Amino acid sequence: MATLVLGNRIYSSWSLRGWLLVRQAGLAVEEIVIPLRTPDTAAAIGKHSPSGKVPTLVVDGLTVWDSLAIAEYCAEQAPDAGLWPADAAARAVARSVSAEMHAGFQALRGAWPMNLKRKGPALAPDAAVAADIARISAIWADCRARFGAKGSGDDGPFLFGDWCAADAMYAPVVSRFVSYGAPLDPQATAYCAAVMNHPLMREWSERAASETWAISDIDAL
């Protein structure tokens, strides 16, 4: 049995990405959830992850850490699962926007940490966060226009039509936009609704709702 090591479902955006990828690939895993920001967190994660971070996938003695590495591993293990688009151009763009998410948007990630419990009033973005929101919205609009909405009547509502790894990479951003009330155009709002309504996102959110761990500085936002 493979093992997927995760942080709190309420707060751990990278864990959400890894979990979505593994579930889309259909890999059978045992999940280990480690509470974040406790005195024991580093030691507990360190038992599984050489980077000291989550998510980490362990399969038959092979350790795969980092969400993008997990995406590529899952795509190789389950080539028919649609983790990346079949079209070469779409696949290249999907990898590009996923890598940009992986490396960027530090202002948004710092000011608006993922918190699936947050139901409070909208939090006005500062200039740096607003710039990140604008860039992310532009990415979504471009992907949808070029690859997602081709007018055939049967294209899916996601960035490249059907759900893929790029949607998994942006899913925690969607949750932030919903939690903090990001000012979005109608197209971005519709995309957020589609992501939050995806069966895997609903399952993650339902399981997060049963967690009792808290991180006080995040909850205070």
N, C-alpha and C. Protein backbone atom coordinates (compact mmCIF):
# COMPACT_ATOMS: atom_id res chain seq x y z
N MET A 1 0.84 -1.19 0.00
CA MET A 1 0.00 0.00 0.00
C MET A 1 0.88 1.24 0.00
N ALA A 2 0.60 2.17 -0.89
CA ALA A 2 1.32 3.44 -0.93
C ALA A 2 0.81 4.35 0.19
N THR A 3 1.60 5.34 0.52
CA THR A 3 1.26 6.27 1.58
C THR A 3 1.34 7.70 1.05
N LEU A 4 0.35 8.49 1.37
CA LEU A 4 0.35 9.91 1.04
C LEU A 4 0.31 10.70 2.33
N VAL A 5 1.35 11.48 2.56
CA VAL A 5 1.49 12.25 3.79
C VAL A 5 1.00 13.66 3.53
N LEU A 6 0.07 14.11 4.36
CA LEU A 6 -0.60 15.39 4.18
C LEU A 6 -0.54 16.22 5.45
N GLY A 7 -0.74 17.54 5.29
CA GLY A 7 -0.99 18.41 6.42
C GLY A 7 -2.49 18.59 6.61
N ASN A 8 -2.86 19.40 7.61
CA ASN A 8 -4.27 19.65 7.89
C ASN A 8 -5.03 19.97 6.60
N ARG A 9 -6.17 19.33 6.40
CA ARG A 9 -6.95 19.60 5.20
C ARG A 9 -7.51 21.02 5.19
N ILE A 10 -7.74 21.59 6.34
CA ILE A 10 -8.29 22.95 6.40
C ILE A 10 -7.31 23.95 5.82
N TYR A 11 -6.03 23.77 6.11
CA TYR A 11 -5.04 24.81 5.83
C TYR A 11 -4.01 24.45 4.77
N SER A 12 -3.76 23.19 4.51
CA SER A 12 -2.60 22.81 3.72
C SER A 12 -2.89 22.80 2.23
N SER A 13 -2.55 23.91 1.58
CA SER A 13 -2.84 24.06 0.16
C SER A 13 -2.05 23.08 -0.69
N TRP A 14 -0.80 22.85 -0.36
CA TRP A 14 0.00 21.92 -1.15
C TRP A 14 -0.47 20.50 -0.96
N SER A 15 -0.93 20.17 0.23
CA SER A 15 -1.49 18.83 0.45
C SER A 15 -2.72 18.62 -0.42
N LEU A 16 -3.55 19.64 -0.53
CA LEU A 16 -4.74 19.53 -1.37
C LEU A 16 -4.33 19.22 -2.81
N ARG A 17 -3.33 19.92 -3.30
CA ARG A 17 -2.89 19.67 -4.68
C ARG A 17 -2.46 18.21 -4.85
N GLY A 18 -1.58 17.75 -3.95
CA GLY A 18 -1.10 16.38 -4.07
C GLY A 18 -2.21 15.36 -3.99
N TRP A 19 -3.14 15.58 -3.08
CA TRP A 19 -4.25 14.64 -2.90
C TRP A 19 -5.13 14.59 -4.14
N LEU A 20 -5.43 15.76 -4.72
CA LEU A 20 -6.24 15.79 -5.94
C LEU A 20 -5.57 15.02 -7.07
N LEU A 21 -4.27 15.18 -7.20
CA LEU A 21 -3.53 14.49 -8.26
C LEU A 21 -3.56 12.98 -8.05
N VAL A 22 -3.30 12.55 -6.83
CA VAL A 22 -3.29 11.12 -6.54
C VAL A 22 -4.67 10.51 -6.75
N ARG A 23 -5.70 11.23 -6.32
CA ARG A 23 -7.06 10.70 -6.48
C ARG A 23 -7.46 10.66 -7.95
N GLN A 24 -7.09 11.67 -8.73
CA GLN A 24 -7.42 11.63 -10.15
C GLN A 24 -6.74 10.45 -10.83
N ALA A 25 -5.52 10.16 -10.41
CA ALA A 25 -4.78 9.04 -10.98
C ALA A 25 -5.33 7.69 -10.55
N GLY A 26 -6.15 7.69 -9.49
CA GLY A 26 -6.72 6.45 -9.01
C GLY A 26 -5.75 5.59 -8.22
N LEU A 27 -4.70 6.19 -7.67
CA LEU A 27 -3.74 5.42 -6.89
C LEU A 27 -4.34 5.07 -5.53
N ALA A 28 -4.15 3.84 -5.11
CA ALA A 28 -4.61 3.41 -3.78
C ALA A 28 -3.55 3.81 -2.76
N VAL A 29 -3.92 4.66 -1.83
CA VAL A 29 -2.97 5.15 -0.84
C VAL A 29 -3.59 5.14 0.55
N GLU A 30 -2.73 4.98 1.54
CA GLU A 30 -3.09 5.24 2.92
C GLU A 30 -2.72 6.68 3.22
N GLU A 31 -3.64 7.43 3.80
CA GLU A 31 -3.38 8.84 4.08
C GLU A 31 -2.93 9.03 5.52
N ILE A 32 -1.85 9.77 5.68
CA ILE A 32 -1.38 10.17 7.00
C ILE A 32 -1.49 11.69 7.07
N VAL A 33 -2.31 12.18 8.00
CA VAL A 33 -2.52 13.62 8.15
C VAL A 33 -1.78 14.11 9.38
N ILE A 34 -0.90 15.08 9.18
CA ILE A 34 -0.06 15.61 10.26
C ILE A 34 -0.47 17.05 10.55
N PRO A 35 -0.84 17.38 11.78
CA PRO A 35 -1.18 18.77 12.11
C PRO A 35 0.03 19.68 11.90
N LEU A 36 -0.20 20.82 11.29
CA LEU A 36 0.87 21.77 11.01
C LEU A 36 1.08 22.74 12.17
N ARG A 37 2.28 23.29 12.22
CA ARG A 37 2.65 24.33 13.19
C ARG A 37 2.46 23.89 14.64
N THR A 38 2.86 22.68 14.93
CA THR A 38 2.91 22.21 16.31
C THR A 38 4.36 21.88 16.64
N PRO A 39 4.70 21.73 17.92
CA PRO A 39 6.09 21.39 18.27
C PRO A 39 6.56 20.07 17.65
N ASP A 40 5.62 19.18 17.31
CA ASP A 40 5.99 17.87 16.79
C ASP A 40 5.91 17.78 15.27
N THR A 41 5.49 18.87 14.60
CA THR A 41 5.24 18.80 13.16
C THR A 41 6.48 18.42 12.37
N ALA A 42 7.58 19.10 12.60
CA ALA A 42 8.79 18.87 11.81
C ALA A 42 9.27 17.43 11.93
N ALA A 43 9.28 16.92 13.15
CA ALA A 43 9.74 15.54 13.35
C ALA A 43 8.80 14.55 12.69
N ALA A 44 7.51 14.80 12.79
CA ALA A 44 6.53 13.87 12.21
C ALA A 44 6.64 13.84 10.68
N ILE A 45 6.76 15.01 10.06
CA ILE A 45 6.91 15.04 8.61
C ILE A 45 8.25 14.46 8.19
N GLY A 46 9.28 14.76 8.97
CA GLY A 46 10.62 14.29 8.64
C GLY A 46 10.75 12.78 8.58
N LYS A 47 9.85 12.07 9.20
CA LYS A 47 9.87 10.60 9.13
C LYS A 47 9.55 10.10 7.72
N HIS A 48 8.91 10.97 6.93
CA HIS A 48 8.44 10.56 5.61
C HIS A 48 9.06 11.36 4.47
N SER A 49 9.37 12.62 4.71
CA SER A 49 9.74 13.54 3.64
C SER A 49 11.16 14.06 3.81
N PRO A 50 12.02 13.88 2.81
CA PRO A 50 13.38 14.41 2.92
C PRO A 50 13.43 15.93 2.91
N SER A 51 12.40 16.57 2.35
CA SER A 51 12.36 18.04 2.32
C SER A 51 11.75 18.62 3.58
N GLY A 52 11.12 17.75 4.39
CA GLY A 52 10.43 18.25 5.58
C GLY A 52 9.13 18.93 5.27
N LYS A 53 8.59 18.67 4.08
CA LYS A 53 7.36 19.33 3.66
C LYS A 53 6.35 18.30 3.17
N VAL A 54 5.09 18.72 3.13
CA VAL A 54 4.03 17.90 2.57
C VAL A 54 3.49 18.60 1.32
N PRO A 55 2.91 17.82 0.39
CA PRO A 55 2.64 16.38 0.45
C PRO A 55 3.87 15.56 0.08
N THR A 56 3.87 14.33 0.52
CA THR A 56 4.89 13.35 0.14
C THR A 56 4.20 12.04 -0.16
N LEU A 57 4.54 11.46 -1.29
CA LEU A 57 3.98 10.17 -1.71
C LEU A 57 5.07 9.12 -1.61
N VAL A 58 4.78 8.04 -0.90
CA VAL A 58 5.74 6.95 -0.74
C VAL A 58 5.13 5.69 -1.34
N VAL A 59 5.82 5.12 -2.34
CA VAL A 59 5.32 3.94 -3.05
C VAL A 59 6.44 2.91 -3.15
N ASP A 60 6.27 1.78 -2.48
CA ASP A 60 7.24 0.67 -2.58
C ASP A 60 8.67 1.15 -2.34
N GLY A 61 8.84 1.96 -1.32
CA GLY A 61 10.17 2.43 -0.98
C GLY A 61 10.63 3.66 -1.75
N LEU A 62 9.87 4.07 -2.77
CA LEU A 62 10.18 5.27 -3.54
C LEU A 62 9.47 6.45 -2.90
N THR A 63 10.20 7.52 -2.62
CA THR A 63 9.61 8.72 -2.06
C THR A 63 9.54 9.81 -3.12
N VAL A 64 8.35 10.34 -3.34
CA VAL A 64 8.14 11.42 -4.31
C VAL A 64 7.60 12.62 -3.54
N TRP A 65 8.35 13.69 -3.49
CA TRP A 65 7.90 14.88 -2.78
C TRP A 65 7.79 16.04 -3.76
N ASP A 66 7.03 17.02 -3.39
CA ASP A 66 6.71 18.20 -4.21
C ASP A 66 5.54 17.88 -5.14
N SER A 67 4.60 18.82 -5.19
CA SER A 67 3.36 18.57 -5.93
C SER A 67 3.57 18.37 -7.42
N LEU A 68 4.48 19.13 -8.03
CA LEU A 68 4.70 18.95 -9.46
C LEU A 68 5.32 17.59 -9.76
N ALA A 69 6.23 17.15 -8.91
CA ALA A 69 6.81 15.82 -9.09
C ALA A 69 5.74 14.74 -8.93
N ILE A 70 4.84 14.94 -7.98
CA ILE A 70 3.74 13.99 -7.80
C ILE A 70 2.83 14.00 -9.03
N ALA A 71 2.60 15.17 -9.61
CA ALA A 71 1.79 15.25 -10.83
C ALA A 71 2.39 14.43 -11.95
N GLU A 72 3.70 14.57 -12.15
CA GLU A 72 4.34 13.84 -13.24
C GLU A 72 4.37 12.33 -12.95
N TYR A 73 4.62 11.96 -11.70
CA TYR A 73 4.62 10.54 -11.35
C TYR A 73 3.23 9.94 -11.59
N CYS A 74 2.21 10.63 -11.14
CA CYS A 74 0.84 10.13 -11.31
C CYS A 74 0.47 10.02 -12.78
N ALA A 75 0.89 11.01 -13.57
CA ALA A 75 0.59 10.97 -15.01
C ALA A 75 1.25 9.78 -15.68
N GLU A 76 2.46 9.43 -15.25
CA GLU A 76 3.14 8.28 -15.80
C GLU A 76 2.50 6.96 -15.36
N GLN A 77 2.04 6.92 -14.12
CA GLN A 77 1.42 5.71 -13.60
C GLN A 77 0.02 5.50 -14.15
N ALA A 78 -0.66 6.57 -14.48
CA ALA A 78 -2.05 6.48 -14.95
C ALA A 78 -2.20 7.33 -16.21
N PRO A 79 -1.63 6.90 -17.33
CA PRO A 79 -1.63 7.73 -18.54
C PRO A 79 -3.01 8.01 -19.12
N ASP A 80 -4.00 7.22 -18.74
CA ASP A 80 -5.36 7.43 -19.25
C ASP A 80 -6.24 8.25 -18.31
N ALA A 81 -5.66 8.74 -17.22
CA ALA A 81 -6.46 9.46 -16.23
C ALA A 81 -6.67 10.93 -16.59
N GLY A 82 -5.96 11.43 -17.60
CA GLY A 82 -6.16 12.81 -18.04
C GLY A 82 -5.54 13.84 -17.14
N LEU A 83 -4.45 13.51 -16.45
CA LEU A 83 -3.84 14.51 -15.60
C LEU A 83 -3.30 15.69 -16.40
N TRP A 84 -2.79 15.44 -17.58
CA TRP A 84 -2.40 16.52 -18.49
C TRP A 84 -3.23 16.41 -19.76
N PRO A 85 -3.52 17.53 -20.42
CA PRO A 85 -4.31 17.48 -21.66
C PRO A 85 -3.64 16.61 -22.73
N ALA A 86 -4.43 15.98 -23.58
CA ALA A 86 -3.91 15.12 -24.63
C ALA A 86 -3.23 15.92 -25.73
N ASP A 87 -3.76 17.10 -26.04
CA ASP A 87 -3.18 17.96 -27.07
C ASP A 87 -1.84 18.52 -26.61
N ALA A 88 -0.81 18.46 -27.47
CA ALA A 88 0.54 18.86 -27.08
C ALA A 88 0.62 20.33 -26.70
N ALA A 89 -0.05 21.20 -27.46
CA ALA A 89 -0.01 22.63 -27.16
C ALA A 89 -0.70 22.91 -25.83
N ALA A 90 -1.87 22.31 -25.65
CA ALA A 90 -2.59 22.50 -24.38
C ALA A 90 -1.77 21.97 -23.22
N ARG A 91 -1.13 20.83 -23.43
CA ARG A 91 -0.32 20.23 -22.36
C ARG A 91 0.85 21.14 -21.99
N ALA A 92 1.48 21.76 -22.97
CA ALA A 92 2.59 22.66 -22.69
C ALA A 92 2.12 23.87 -21.89
N VAL A 93 0.98 24.41 -22.26
CA VAL A 93 0.46 25.57 -21.53
C VAL A 93 0.02 25.16 -20.13
N ALA A 94 -0.59 23.99 -20.02
CA ALA A 94 -1.01 23.50 -18.69
C ALA A 94 0.18 23.37 -17.77
N ARG A 95 1.29 22.86 -18.28
CA ARG A 95 2.49 22.74 -17.46
C ARG A 95 3.06 24.12 -17.14
N SER A 96 2.97 25.04 -18.08
CA SER A 96 3.49 26.39 -17.84
C SER A 96 2.71 27.10 -16.74
N VAL A 97 1.39 27.05 -16.81
CA VAL A 97 0.60 27.76 -15.80
C VAL A 97 0.69 27.06 -14.45
N SER A 98 0.89 25.74 -14.47
CA SER A 98 1.08 25.02 -13.21
C SER A 98 2.41 25.42 -12.57
N ALA A 99 3.45 25.51 -13.38
CA ALA A 99 4.75 25.93 -12.86
C ALA A 99 4.70 27.36 -12.34
N GLU A 100 3.96 28.24 -13.02
CA GLU A 100 3.85 29.62 -12.54
C GLU A 100 3.14 29.65 -11.17
N MET A 101 2.14 28.82 -11.01
CA MET A 101 1.47 28.74 -9.71
C MET A 101 2.43 28.20 -8.66
N HIS A 102 3.18 27.20 -9.02
CA HIS A 102 4.10 26.56 -8.10
C HIS A 102 5.15 27.55 -7.58
N ALA A 103 5.62 28.44 -8.45
CA ALA A 103 6.73 29.33 -8.11
C ALA A 103 6.30 30.73 -7.70
N GLY A 104 5.08 31.12 -8.01
CA GLY A 104 4.71 32.52 -7.89
C GLY A 104 3.59 32.83 -6.92
N PHE A 105 3.09 34.06 -7.06
CA PHE A 105 1.95 34.56 -6.30
C PHE A 105 2.20 34.55 -4.79
N GLN A 106 3.40 34.98 -4.42
CA GLN A 106 3.79 34.98 -3.02
C GLN A 106 2.95 35.94 -2.19
N ALA A 107 2.58 37.07 -2.78
CA ALA A 107 1.78 38.04 -2.02
C ALA A 107 0.43 37.44 -1.63
N LEU A 108 -0.23 36.83 -2.59
CA LEU A 108 -1.52 36.19 -2.32
C LEU A 108 -1.38 35.09 -1.29
N ARG A 109 -0.38 34.24 -1.48
CA ARG A 109 -0.21 33.09 -0.60
C ARG A 109 0.14 33.52 0.83
N GLY A 110 0.88 34.63 0.96
CA GLY A 110 1.24 35.10 2.29
C GLY A 110 0.10 35.81 3.00
N ALA A 111 -0.63 36.64 2.25
CA ALA A 111 -1.68 37.45 2.88
C ALA A 111 -2.97 36.68 3.08
N TRP A 112 -3.26 35.74 2.18
CA TRP A 112 -4.51 34.98 2.24
C TRP A 112 -4.19 33.48 2.30
N PRO A 113 -3.72 32.96 3.42
CA PRO A 113 -3.46 31.52 3.51
C PRO A 113 -4.75 30.72 3.39
N MET A 114 -4.61 29.52 2.88
CA MET A 114 -5.82 28.70 2.72
C MET A 114 -6.44 28.44 4.09
N ASN A 115 -7.74 28.61 4.16
CA ASN A 115 -8.49 28.36 5.40
C ASN A 115 -9.91 28.01 5.02
N LEU A 116 -10.20 26.73 4.93
CA LEU A 116 -11.52 26.30 4.51
C LEU A 116 -12.59 26.56 5.56
N LYS A 117 -12.17 26.93 6.77
CA LYS A 117 -13.15 27.26 7.81
C LYS A 117 -13.66 28.69 7.69
N ARG A 118 -12.92 29.55 6.99
CA ARG A 118 -13.24 30.99 7.02
C ARG A 118 -14.56 31.26 6.33
N LYS A 119 -15.47 31.89 7.05
CA LYS A 119 -16.77 32.28 6.51
C LYS A 119 -17.02 33.77 6.74
N GLY A 120 -15.99 34.50 7.08
CA GLY A 120 -16.13 35.90 7.47
C GLY A 120 -16.34 36.83 6.29
N PRO A 121 -16.33 38.13 6.58
CA PRO A 121 -16.52 39.12 5.52
C PRO A 121 -15.34 39.15 4.57
N ALA A 122 -15.58 39.75 3.40
CA ALA A 122 -14.51 39.85 2.40
C ALA A 122 -13.34 40.63 2.98
N LEU A 123 -12.15 40.23 2.59
CA LEU A 123 -10.93 40.89 3.03
C LEU A 123 -10.36 41.64 1.84
N ALA A 124 -10.30 42.97 1.93
CA ALA A 124 -9.86 43.78 0.80
C ALA A 124 -8.39 43.48 0.47
N PRO A 125 -8.08 43.20 -0.78
CA PRO A 125 -6.69 42.90 -1.14
C PRO A 125 -5.85 44.17 -1.19
N ASP A 126 -4.59 44.08 -0.77
CA ASP A 126 -3.69 45.20 -0.97
C ASP A 126 -3.22 45.18 -2.42
N ALA A 127 -2.35 46.11 -2.79
CA ALA A 127 -1.96 46.25 -4.20
C ALA A 127 -1.27 45.00 -4.72
N ALA A 128 -0.40 44.39 -3.89
CA ALA A 128 0.33 43.20 -4.34
C ALA A 128 -0.60 42.02 -4.53
N VAL A 129 -1.53 41.84 -3.60
CA VAL A 129 -2.49 40.75 -3.72
C VAL A 129 -3.41 40.98 -4.92
N ALA A 130 -3.83 42.24 -5.11
CA ALA A 130 -4.68 42.55 -6.25
C ALA A 130 -3.97 42.25 -7.57
N ALA A 131 -2.66 42.50 -7.62
CA ALA A 131 -1.90 42.19 -8.84
C ALA A 131 -1.86 40.68 -9.07
N ASP A 132 -1.72 39.91 -8.01
CA ASP A 132 -1.75 38.45 -8.15
C ASP A 132 -3.12 37.98 -8.63
N ILE A 133 -4.17 38.55 -8.05
CA ILE A 133 -5.52 38.19 -8.47
C ILE A 133 -5.72 38.48 -9.95
N ALA A 134 -5.24 39.64 -10.39
CA ALA A 134 -5.39 40.01 -11.80
C ALA A 134 -4.65 39.06 -12.71
N ARG A 135 -3.43 38.68 -12.33
CA ARG A 135 -2.66 37.76 -13.17
C ARG A 135 -3.32 36.38 -13.21
N ILE A 136 -3.76 35.89 -12.07
CA ILE A 136 -4.42 34.58 -12.05
C ILE A 136 -5.69 34.60 -12.88
N SER A 137 -6.47 35.65 -12.76
CA SER A 137 -7.70 35.76 -13.56
C SER A 137 -7.37 35.77 -15.05
N ALA A 138 -6.27 36.45 -15.42
CA ALA A 138 -5.86 36.49 -16.83
C ALA A 138 -5.44 35.10 -17.31
N ILE A 139 -4.74 34.35 -16.47
CA ILE A 139 -4.36 32.97 -16.82
C ILE A 139 -5.60 32.14 -17.07
N TRP A 140 -6.53 32.22 -16.15
CA TRP A 140 -7.75 31.43 -16.30
C TRP A 140 -8.50 31.79 -17.57
N ALA A 141 -8.64 33.09 -17.84
CA ALA A 141 -9.37 33.53 -19.02
C ALA A 141 -8.68 33.06 -20.29
N ASP A 142 -7.36 33.13 -20.33
CA ASP A 142 -6.62 32.71 -21.51
C ASP A 142 -6.75 31.21 -21.74
N CYS A 143 -6.60 30.43 -20.69
CA CYS A 143 -6.72 28.97 -20.83
C CYS A 143 -8.12 28.59 -21.29
N ARG A 144 -9.12 29.21 -20.68
CA ARG A 144 -10.50 28.88 -21.05
C ARG A 144 -10.78 29.26 -22.51
N ALA A 145 -10.30 30.44 -22.92
CA ALA A 145 -10.57 30.90 -24.28
C ALA A 145 -9.87 30.04 -25.33
N ARG A 146 -8.63 29.64 -25.04
CA ARG A 146 -7.84 28.90 -26.02
C ARG A 146 -8.07 27.40 -26.01
N PHE A 147 -8.38 26.85 -24.83
CA PHE A 147 -8.41 25.40 -24.71
C PHE A 147 -9.65 24.85 -24.00
N GLY A 148 -10.36 25.68 -23.25
CA GLY A 148 -11.42 25.16 -22.40
C GLY A 148 -12.81 25.26 -22.94
N ALA A 149 -13.11 26.35 -23.61
CA ALA A 149 -14.47 26.61 -24.06
C ALA A 149 -14.46 26.74 -25.58
N LYS A 150 -14.63 25.63 -26.27
CA LYS A 150 -14.51 25.63 -27.73
C LYS A 150 -15.86 25.71 -28.45
N GLY A 151 -16.92 25.88 -27.67
CA GLY A 151 -18.22 26.08 -28.28
C GLY A 151 -18.87 24.83 -28.83
N SER A 152 -18.33 23.65 -28.50
CA SER A 152 -18.91 22.42 -29.03
C SER A 152 -20.11 21.94 -28.24
N GLY A 153 -20.33 22.55 -27.10
CA GLY A 153 -21.48 22.18 -26.28
C GLY A 153 -21.17 21.10 -25.28
N ASP A 154 -20.03 20.42 -25.42
CA ASP A 154 -19.73 19.35 -24.47
C ASP A 154 -18.38 19.54 -23.79
N ASP A 155 -17.80 20.73 -23.92
CA ASP A 155 -16.53 21.00 -23.24
C ASP A 155 -16.78 21.25 -21.77
N GLY A 156 -15.86 20.78 -20.94
CA GLY A 156 -16.00 20.96 -19.51
C GLY A 156 -15.74 22.38 -19.09
N PRO A 157 -16.02 22.70 -17.83
CA PRO A 157 -15.92 24.08 -17.33
C PRO A 157 -14.54 24.44 -16.79
N PHE A 158 -13.56 23.55 -16.97
CA PHE A 158 -12.27 23.77 -16.32
C PHE A 158 -11.28 24.42 -17.28
N LEU A 159 -10.06 24.63 -16.84
CA LEU A 159 -9.11 25.44 -17.60
C LEU A 159 -8.86 24.89 -18.99
N PHE A 160 -8.82 23.56 -19.11
CA PHE A 160 -8.57 22.93 -20.39
C PHE A 160 -9.73 22.03 -20.80
N GLY A 161 -10.93 22.43 -20.37
CA GLY A 161 -12.14 21.65 -20.64
C GLY A 161 -12.38 20.65 -19.54
N ASP A 162 -11.74 19.50 -19.64
CA ASP A 162 -11.84 18.50 -18.58
C ASP A 162 -10.89 18.83 -17.43
N TRP A 163 -11.22 18.37 -16.25
CA TRP A 163 -10.36 18.55 -15.07
C TRP A 163 -8.99 17.94 -15.32
N CYS A 164 -7.93 18.67 -14.95
CA CYS A 164 -6.58 18.15 -15.13
C CYS A 164 -5.68 18.68 -14.02
N ALA A 165 -4.38 18.39 -14.12
CA ALA A 165 -3.45 18.79 -13.07
C ALA A 165 -3.40 20.30 -12.89
N ALA A 166 -3.60 21.07 -13.95
CA ALA A 166 -3.58 22.52 -13.80
C ALA A 166 -4.71 22.99 -12.89
N ASP A 167 -5.88 22.37 -12.99
CA ASP A 167 -6.97 22.71 -12.08
C ASP A 167 -6.63 22.34 -10.65
N ALA A 168 -5.96 21.19 -10.46
CA ALA A 168 -5.53 20.81 -9.12
C ALA A 168 -4.56 21.84 -8.55
N MET A 169 -3.67 22.36 -9.39
CA MET A 169 -2.70 23.34 -8.91
C MET A 169 -3.37 24.64 -8.49
N TYR A 170 -4.45 25.02 -9.15
CA TYR A 170 -5.13 26.27 -8.82
C TYR A 170 -6.28 26.10 -7.85
N ALA A 171 -6.63 24.86 -7.50
CA ALA A 171 -7.76 24.64 -6.60
C ALA A 171 -7.60 25.35 -5.25
N PRO A 172 -6.42 25.33 -4.61
CA PRO A 172 -6.30 26.07 -3.35
C PRO A 172 -6.45 27.58 -3.52
N VAL A 173 -6.07 28.10 -4.69
CA VAL A 173 -6.28 29.52 -4.96
C VAL A 173 -7.78 29.81 -5.05
N VAL A 174 -8.50 28.92 -5.73
CA VAL A 174 -9.95 29.07 -5.78
C VAL A 174 -10.53 29.12 -4.37
N SER A 175 -10.07 28.23 -3.50
CA SER A 175 -10.61 28.22 -2.14
C SER A 175 -10.30 29.53 -1.42
N ARG A 176 -9.12 30.09 -1.66
CA ARG A 176 -8.78 31.39 -1.08
C ARG A 176 -9.71 32.48 -1.59
N PHE A 177 -9.92 32.50 -2.90
CA PHE A 177 -10.79 33.53 -3.48
C PHE A 177 -12.19 33.46 -2.87
N VAL A 178 -12.67 32.24 -2.65
CA VAL A 178 -13.99 32.08 -2.05
C VAL A 178 -13.98 32.48 -0.58
N SER A 179 -12.97 32.04 0.16
CA SER A 179 -12.91 32.30 1.60
C SER A 179 -12.77 33.78 1.92
N TYR A 180 -11.95 34.48 1.12
CA TYR A 180 -11.65 35.87 1.43
C TYR A 180 -12.44 36.87 0.59
N GLY A 181 -13.30 36.37 -0.29
CA GLY A 181 -14.16 37.25 -1.07
C GLY A 181 -13.42 38.07 -2.10
N ALA A 182 -12.57 37.43 -2.89
CA ALA A 182 -11.79 38.15 -3.90
C ALA A 182 -12.72 38.79 -4.93
N PRO A 183 -12.41 40.01 -5.35
CA PRO A 183 -13.20 40.66 -6.41
C PRO A 183 -12.85 40.04 -7.76
N LEU A 184 -13.80 39.34 -8.35
CA LEU A 184 -13.55 38.60 -9.59
C LEU A 184 -14.57 38.97 -10.66
N ASP A 185 -14.17 38.81 -11.91
CA ASP A 185 -15.11 39.00 -13.01
C ASP A 185 -16.01 37.76 -13.11
N PRO A 186 -17.10 37.86 -13.88
CA PRO A 186 -18.05 36.74 -13.95
C PRO A 186 -17.42 35.43 -14.42
N GLN A 187 -16.48 35.49 -15.36
CA GLN A 187 -15.88 34.26 -15.86
C GLN A 187 -15.05 33.57 -14.77
N ALA A 188 -14.26 34.35 -14.03
CA ALA A 188 -13.47 33.77 -12.95
C ALA A 188 -14.37 33.24 -11.84
N THR A 189 -15.46 33.95 -11.57
CA THR A 189 -16.41 33.50 -10.56
C THR A 189 -17.02 32.15 -10.96
N ALA A 190 -17.36 32.01 -12.24
CA ALA A 190 -17.94 30.75 -12.72
C ALA A 190 -16.92 29.61 -12.61
N TYR A 191 -15.66 29.91 -12.91
CA TYR A 191 -14.64 28.88 -12.79
C TYR A 191 -14.48 28.45 -11.34
N CYS A 192 -14.48 29.41 -10.43
CA CYS A 192 -14.38 29.07 -9.00
C CYS A 192 -15.52 28.16 -8.57
N ALA A 193 -16.72 28.48 -9.03
CA ALA A 193 -17.88 27.66 -8.67
C ALA A 193 -17.72 26.24 -9.20
N ALA A 194 -17.21 26.10 -10.42
CA ALA A 194 -17.03 24.77 -11.00
C ALA A 194 -16.00 23.97 -10.21
N VAL A 195 -14.91 24.62 -9.81
CA VAL A 195 -13.88 23.92 -9.05
C VAL A 195 -14.42 23.48 -7.69
N MET A 196 -15.07 24.38 -6.98
CA MET A 196 -15.56 24.04 -5.65
C MET A 196 -16.64 22.97 -5.69
N ASN A 197 -17.30 22.84 -6.85
CA ASN A 197 -18.36 21.83 -6.99
C ASN A 197 -17.84 20.50 -7.52
N HIS A 198 -16.55 20.43 -7.84
CA HIS A 198 -15.99 19.17 -8.33
C HIS A 198 -16.11 18.13 -7.21
N PRO A 199 -16.45 16.88 -7.54
CA PRO A 199 -16.64 15.88 -6.48
C PRO A 199 -15.45 15.72 -5.55
N LEU A 200 -14.24 15.77 -6.08
CA LEU A 200 -13.08 15.63 -5.20
C LEU A 200 -12.93 16.83 -4.28
N MET A 201 -13.22 18.02 -4.77
CA MET A 201 -13.15 19.20 -3.90
C MET A 201 -14.22 19.14 -2.82
N ARG A 202 -15.39 18.66 -3.17
CA ARG A 202 -16.44 18.52 -2.17
C ARG A 202 -16.02 17.50 -1.11
N GLU A 203 -15.42 16.41 -1.54
CA GLU A 203 -14.97 15.40 -0.58
C GLU A 203 -13.90 15.96 0.35
N TRP A 204 -12.92 16.65 -0.21
CA TRP A 204 -11.87 17.25 0.63
C TRP A 204 -12.46 18.22 1.64
N SER A 205 -13.37 19.08 1.17
CA SER A 205 -13.98 20.08 2.05
C SER A 205 -14.79 19.41 3.16
N GLU A 206 -15.50 18.36 2.83
CA GLU A 206 -16.28 17.64 3.84
C GLU A 206 -15.38 17.01 4.89
N ARG A 207 -14.28 16.44 4.46
CA ARG A 207 -13.35 15.83 5.40
C ARG A 207 -12.64 16.91 6.23
N ALA A 208 -12.35 18.04 5.63
CA ALA A 208 -11.74 19.15 6.37
C ALA A 208 -12.67 19.65 7.47
N ALA A 209 -13.96 19.63 7.20
CA ALA A 209 -14.92 20.15 8.17
C ALA A 209 -14.92 19.35 9.47
N SER A 210 -14.44 18.11 9.42
CA SER A 210 -14.42 17.28 10.63
C SER A 210 -13.14 17.46 11.44
N GLU A 211 -12.17 18.21 10.93
CA GLU A 211 -10.92 18.41 11.66
C GLU A 211 -11.12 19.40 12.80
N THR A 212 -10.43 19.16 13.89
CA THR A 212 -10.53 20.04 15.06
C THR A 212 -9.27 20.85 15.30
N TRP A 213 -8.18 20.57 14.56
CA TRP A 213 -6.95 21.33 14.75
C TRP A 213 -7.14 22.77 14.30
N ALA A 214 -6.46 23.69 14.96
CA ALA A 214 -6.58 25.11 14.63
C ALA A 214 -5.21 25.74 14.56
N ILE A 215 -5.08 26.74 13.68
CA ILE A 215 -3.89 27.58 13.61
C ILE A 215 -4.37 29.01 13.84
N SER A 216 -4.10 29.54 15.01
CA SER A 216 -4.77 30.75 15.49
C SER A 216 -4.51 31.97 14.61
N ASP A 217 -3.27 32.14 14.11
CA ASP A 217 -3.01 33.35 13.34
C ASP A 217 -3.71 33.33 12.00
N ILE A 218 -3.91 32.15 11.41
CA ILE A 218 -4.68 32.05 10.17
C ILE A 218 -6.15 32.29 10.46
N ASP A 219 -6.66 31.67 11.52
CA ASP A 219 -8.07 31.83 11.84
C ASP A 219 -8.42 33.27 12.18
N ALA A 220 -7.43 34.07 12.59
CA ALA A 220 -7.71 35.45 12.99
C ALA A 220 -7.92 36.37 11.80
N LEU A 221 -7.55 35.94 10.60
CA LEU A 221 -7.69 36.80 9.43
C LEU A 221 -9.15 36.99 9.05
